[in-house]
Amino acid sequence: QVQLVESGGGSVQAGGSLRLSCKASGRTFTSGTMGWFLQAPGKEREFVAWISGTGASTYYADSVKGRFTISRDTAKTAVYLQMTSLKPEDTAVYYCAASDSRPSWSSVRESSYRYWGQGTQVTVSS
């Protein structure tokens, strides 16, 4: 059984940093895409970033570009999201997701991912 478990969320002041981790168990995603999504209170879940199986390709939502960095470990069992210059509007539950497919234009969509974590709360205060 595949499980994705996020960690690293918490409360931070605006301008601060957090590093989210997502560890996969049950299998590796050697060639698949892994991504991060967020869901703010009262809003739909939205795309944050994805990374390819090799880690050579990444893509970010405009709202986080230049502030967030997605990476993954060489064992292909974990993905990370380094968040800097955090803003109050970054407050949300952050979800890790994994797909068996290579990245494509549809990798910004929830429907492209088969596996999901339970989410980790990030709260940014002003």
Foldseek 3Di string as FASTA:
>chain_A
DKAKAKDFADEEAAQAKIKMKIFIPPDAQQFKKKFKWWDAPPGDIFGAKIAGNCRPDMDGDPVQPPFWDKGADPVRGMIMIIGGSDDQVVWTWMKMFIANDGDDPCPRDPVRTDHIHPTDTHGYHD
